[in-house]
N, C-alpha and C. Protein backbone atom coordinates (compact mmCIF):
# COMPACT_ATOMS: atom_id res chain seq x y z
N MET A 1 61.09 149.61 48.65
CA MET A 1 62.17 148.75 48.39
C MET A 1 63.38 148.84 48.58
N THR A 2 64.17 147.85 49.18
CA THR A 2 65.50 147.98 49.53
C THR A 2 66.35 147.91 48.01
N ASN A 3 67.75 148.24 48.25
CA ASN A 3 68.54 147.95 47.16
C ASN A 3 69.40 146.74 46.93
N GLU A 4 69.12 145.96 48.10
CA GLU A 4 69.76 144.51 48.13
C GLU A 4 68.96 143.73 49.21
N MET A 5 69.08 142.52 48.91
CA MET A 5 68.25 141.42 49.71
C MET A 5 69.35 140.32 49.89
N ILE A 6 70.18 140.49 50.98
CA ILE A 6 71.19 139.48 51.11
C ILE A 6 70.79 138.17 51.72
N PHE A 7 71.34 137.07 51.15
CA PHE A 7 70.94 135.80 51.51
C PHE A 7 72.38 135.03 51.74
N GLU A 8 72.40 134.43 52.93
CA GLU A 8 73.68 133.67 53.12
C GLU A 8 73.56 132.29 53.26
N ALA A 9 74.41 131.69 52.63
CA ALA A 9 74.50 130.14 52.58
C ALA A 9 76.02 129.78 52.48
N ASN A 10 76.32 128.59 53.27
CA ASN A 10 77.57 128.06 53.23
C ASN A 10 78.75 129.15 53.10
N GLY A 11 78.54 130.23 54.08
CA GLY A 11 79.57 131.30 54.18
C GLY A 11 79.72 132.11 53.02
N VAL A 12 78.65 132.17 52.13
CA VAL A 12 78.74 133.12 51.05
C VAL A 12 77.34 134.00 51.00
N LYS A 13 77.77 135.18 50.89
CA LYS A 13 76.60 136.20 50.99
C LYS A 13 76.27 136.57 49.32
N ILE A 14 74.99 136.34 49.04
CA ILE A 14 74.39 136.56 47.77
C ILE A 14 73.39 137.79 47.88
N ASP A 15 73.40 138.71 46.81
CA ASP A 15 72.40 139.81 46.84
C ASP A 15 71.40 139.16 45.83
N LEU A 16 70.37 138.68 46.37
CA LEU A 16 69.24 138.13 45.73
C LEU A 16 68.68 138.94 44.51
N LEU A 17 68.56 140.22 44.74
CA LEU A 17 68.13 141.34 43.85
C LEU A 17 69.05 141.31 42.45
N LYS A 18 70.23 140.99 42.60
CA LYS A 18 71.19 140.90 41.70
C LYS A 18 71.15 139.78 40.66
N ILE A 19 70.35 138.65 40.84
CA ILE A 19 70.53 137.48 40.27
C ILE A 19 69.90 137.61 39.04
N THR A 20 70.38 137.09 37.83
CA THR A 20 69.70 137.08 36.70
C THR A 20 69.25 135.67 36.10
N ARG A 21 70.00 134.73 36.73
CA ARG A 21 69.47 133.29 36.51
C ARG A 21 70.02 132.56 37.68
N LEU A 22 68.96 131.71 38.06
CA LEU A 22 69.19 130.67 39.26
C LEU A 22 68.68 129.58 38.94
N TYR A 23 69.53 128.47 39.10
CA TYR A 23 68.99 127.27 38.62
C TYR A 23 69.77 126.03 39.33
N PRO A 24 69.03 124.95 39.43
CA PRO A 24 69.68 123.76 40.11
C PRO A 24 70.46 123.00 39.04
N ALA A 25 71.51 122.17 39.61
CA ALA A 25 72.41 121.42 38.75
C ALA A 25 72.92 120.32 39.56
N ALA A 26 73.46 119.26 38.71
CA ALA A 26 74.38 118.32 39.62
C ALA A 26 75.92 118.68 39.00
N TRP A 27 76.63 118.42 39.92
CA TRP A 27 78.16 118.40 39.62
C TRP A 27 78.61 116.93 39.62
N ILE A 28 79.04 116.48 38.37
CA ILE A 28 79.28 115.12 38.07
C ILE A 28 80.58 115.00 37.73
N HIS A 29 81.32 113.69 37.77
CA HIS A 29 82.46 113.39 37.16
C HIS A 29 82.22 112.32 36.17
N ALA A 30 82.82 112.51 34.99
CA ALA A 30 82.62 111.40 33.77
C ALA A 30 83.76 111.62 32.94
N GLY A 31 84.20 110.30 32.57
CA GLY A 31 85.47 110.42 31.29
C GLY A 31 86.57 111.24 31.78
N GLY A 32 86.88 111.22 33.14
CA GLY A 32 87.97 112.22 33.42
C GLY A 32 87.66 113.56 33.80
N GLU A 33 86.59 114.24 33.41
CA GLU A 33 86.28 115.41 33.34
C GLU A 33 85.11 115.76 34.62
N SER A 34 84.94 116.94 35.20
CA SER A 34 83.94 117.31 36.12
C SER A 34 83.22 118.46 35.42
N ALA A 35 81.82 118.46 35.80
CA ALA A 35 80.99 119.52 35.01
C ALA A 35 79.84 119.72 35.82
N SER A 36 79.00 120.80 35.80
CA SER A 36 77.78 120.83 36.18
C SER A 36 76.75 120.35 35.00
N VAL A 37 75.78 119.70 35.18
CA VAL A 37 74.71 119.32 34.25
C VAL A 37 73.38 119.36 34.80
N SER A 38 72.34 119.35 34.15
CA SER A 38 70.99 119.45 34.59
C SER A 38 70.74 118.19 35.42
N LEU A 39 69.90 118.29 36.30
CA LEU A 39 69.44 117.26 37.42
C LEU A 39 68.90 116.23 36.64
N GLU A 40 68.07 116.44 35.55
CA GLU A 40 67.32 115.39 34.83
C GLU A 40 68.32 114.63 33.93
N TRP A 41 69.46 115.24 33.39
CA TRP A 41 70.27 114.45 32.78
C TRP A 41 71.18 113.48 33.57
N ALA A 42 71.50 114.12 34.88
CA ALA A 42 72.27 113.32 35.75
C ALA A 42 71.73 112.18 36.31
N GLU A 43 70.20 112.26 36.32
CA GLU A 43 69.50 111.04 36.75
C GLU A 43 69.27 110.14 35.60
N LEU A 44 69.21 110.51 34.30
CA LEU A 44 69.20 109.67 33.18
C LEU A 44 70.46 108.79 32.94
N LYS A 45 71.64 109.54 33.30
CA LYS A 45 73.05 108.94 33.19
C LYS A 45 73.57 108.52 34.46
N ALA A 46 72.67 108.11 35.43
CA ALA A 46 73.31 107.86 36.64
C ALA A 46 74.17 106.59 36.80
N ASP A 47 74.05 105.65 35.77
CA ASP A 47 74.93 104.40 35.66
C ASP A 47 76.10 104.75 34.91
N GLN A 48 76.45 105.95 34.37
CA GLN A 48 77.55 106.22 33.57
C GLN A 48 78.38 107.25 34.20
N ILE A 49 77.88 107.89 35.15
CA ILE A 49 78.53 109.16 36.03
C ILE A 49 78.86 108.84 37.41
N THR A 50 79.56 109.87 38.05
CA THR A 50 79.71 109.83 39.34
C THR A 50 79.21 111.16 39.87
N LEU A 51 78.16 111.27 40.62
CA LEU A 51 77.47 112.39 41.06
C LEU A 51 78.30 112.81 42.32
N GLU A 52 79.09 114.02 42.15
CA GLU A 52 79.97 114.57 43.20
C GLU A 52 78.92 115.46 44.29
N SER A 53 78.10 116.20 43.69
CA SER A 53 77.31 117.08 44.47
C SER A 53 76.06 117.57 43.91
N TYR A 54 75.22 118.47 44.56
CA TYR A 54 74.09 119.01 43.92
C TYR A 54 74.57 120.49 44.08
N VAL A 55 73.95 121.42 42.91
CA VAL A 55 74.59 122.67 43.04
C VAL A 55 73.59 123.78 42.57
N LEU A 56 73.69 124.93 43.48
CA LEU A 56 72.65 125.86 43.00
C LEU A 56 73.28 126.89 42.33
N ILE A 57 73.12 127.17 41.10
CA ILE A 57 73.80 128.25 40.35
C ILE A 57 73.26 129.66 40.50
N CYS A 58 74.03 130.57 40.90
CA CYS A 58 73.56 131.87 40.74
C CYS A 58 74.20 132.72 39.85
N ASP A 59 73.75 133.36 38.72
CA ASP A 59 74.56 134.26 37.77
C ASP A 59 73.99 135.56 38.21
N VAL A 60 75.04 136.52 38.25
CA VAL A 60 74.60 137.88 38.30
C VAL A 60 74.89 138.69 37.22
N ASP A 61 75.39 138.13 36.10
CA ASP A 61 75.65 138.82 34.64
C ASP A 61 74.35 138.97 34.11
N PRO A 62 74.39 140.01 33.03
CA PRO A 62 73.20 140.13 32.30
C PRO A 62 72.96 138.98 31.39
N VAL A 63 71.58 138.69 31.16
CA VAL A 63 71.17 137.53 30.49
C VAL A 63 71.82 137.73 29.06
N GLY A 64 72.15 136.69 28.46
CA GLY A 64 72.71 136.93 27.09
C GLY A 64 74.36 136.96 27.22
N GLU A 65 74.95 137.53 28.26
CA GLU A 65 76.36 137.56 28.42
C GLU A 65 76.97 136.26 29.02
N VAL A 66 78.20 136.02 28.77
CA VAL A 66 78.89 134.84 29.26
C VAL A 66 78.98 134.94 30.90
N PRO A 67 78.54 134.07 31.55
CA PRO A 67 78.40 134.39 33.20
C PRO A 67 79.89 134.32 33.76
N VAL A 68 80.73 135.37 34.12
CA VAL A 68 81.83 135.37 34.74
C VAL A 68 81.98 135.65 36.14
N ASN A 69 80.63 135.78 36.78
CA ASN A 69 80.41 136.19 38.22
C ASN A 69 79.63 135.19 38.77
N ARG A 70 79.59 134.03 38.34
CA ARG A 70 78.65 132.98 38.91
C ARG A 70 79.08 132.49 40.16
N ILE A 71 78.13 132.19 41.00
CA ILE A 71 78.38 131.70 42.33
C ILE A 71 77.53 130.34 42.36
N GLU A 72 78.43 129.40 43.02
CA GLU A 72 77.77 127.95 43.02
C GLU A 72 77.86 127.64 44.44
N LEU A 73 76.55 127.25 44.84
CA LEU A 73 76.60 126.54 46.28
C LEU A 73 76.37 125.08 46.06
N ARG A 74 77.15 124.46 46.81
CA ARG A 74 77.21 122.91 46.72
C ARG A 74 76.57 122.21 47.95
N TYR A 75 75.98 121.14 47.50
CA TYR A 75 75.20 120.36 48.64
C TYR A 75 75.42 118.98 48.61
N ASP A 76 75.26 118.33 49.46
CA ASP A 76 75.57 116.78 49.39
C ASP A 76 74.20 116.11 49.06
N THR A 77 72.92 116.60 49.35
CA THR A 77 71.75 116.00 49.01
C THR A 77 70.78 116.75 48.33
N LYS A 78 70.03 116.15 47.48
CA LYS A 78 69.00 116.86 46.47
C LYS A 78 68.02 117.64 47.43
N GLU A 79 67.74 116.89 48.78
CA GLU A 79 67.01 117.69 49.80
C GLU A 79 67.38 119.06 50.24
N GLU A 80 68.77 119.06 50.53
CA GLU A 80 69.40 120.23 51.11
C GLU A 80 69.44 121.28 50.02
N LEU A 81 69.75 120.86 48.62
CA LEU A 81 69.42 121.88 47.58
C LEU A 81 68.01 122.50 47.49
N PHE A 82 67.04 121.75 47.57
CA PHE A 82 65.85 122.21 47.27
C PHE A 82 65.27 122.83 48.53
N ALA A 83 65.74 122.56 49.70
CA ALA A 83 65.51 123.40 50.90
C ALA A 83 65.83 124.83 50.71
N VAL A 84 67.01 124.92 50.22
CA VAL A 84 67.71 126.25 49.94
C VAL A 84 66.81 126.94 48.80
N MET A 85 66.42 126.32 47.88
CA MET A 85 65.78 126.94 46.79
C MET A 85 64.44 127.46 47.15
N GLN A 86 63.77 126.65 48.10
CA GLN A 86 62.46 126.99 48.58
C GLN A 86 62.67 128.50 49.57
N GLU A 87 63.80 128.38 50.40
CA GLU A 87 63.96 129.44 51.30
C GLU A 87 64.16 130.86 50.32
N ILE A 88 64.90 130.59 49.36
CA ILE A 88 65.18 131.68 48.33
C ILE A 88 63.77 132.09 47.74
N ALA A 89 63.05 131.29 47.27
CA ALA A 89 61.70 131.57 46.70
C ALA A 89 60.96 132.27 47.67
N MET A 90 60.84 131.81 48.98
CA MET A 90 60.09 132.52 49.82
C MET A 90 60.62 133.96 50.13
N ARG A 91 61.70 134.10 50.17
CA ARG A 91 62.49 135.53 50.32
C ARG A 91 61.99 136.40 49.21
N LEU A 92 62.18 135.72 48.01
CA LEU A 92 61.76 136.77 46.72
C LEU A 92 60.24 136.97 46.78
N LYS A 93 59.69 135.98 47.19
CA LYS A 93 58.05 136.35 47.08
C LYS A 93 57.70 137.36 48.11
N LYS A 94 58.43 137.48 49.20
CA LYS A 94 57.90 138.71 50.15
C LYS A 94 58.41 139.96 49.58
N GLU A 95 59.58 139.96 48.76
CA GLU A 95 59.90 141.19 48.06
C GLU A 95 58.88 141.72 47.17
């Protein structure tokens, strides 16, 4: 097994073997603030928020610690987000 598995998306290189948390989210704007929220929450509150993009959040900090080295990959559509998630899953499955 190699010591790294580089995945590149949106001009960002990510070592998949260092990821401790990987999850999809929605980047929204509501009440003058922007934040990432779960896809489910964004869908439930669609009439009260502005959906700006879909986000794949990659944390490399140890689980239980505040993530300070978070990488966020943004996509215009949920389909683009899910396609990248599927590609990452296939890469990890091969490892």
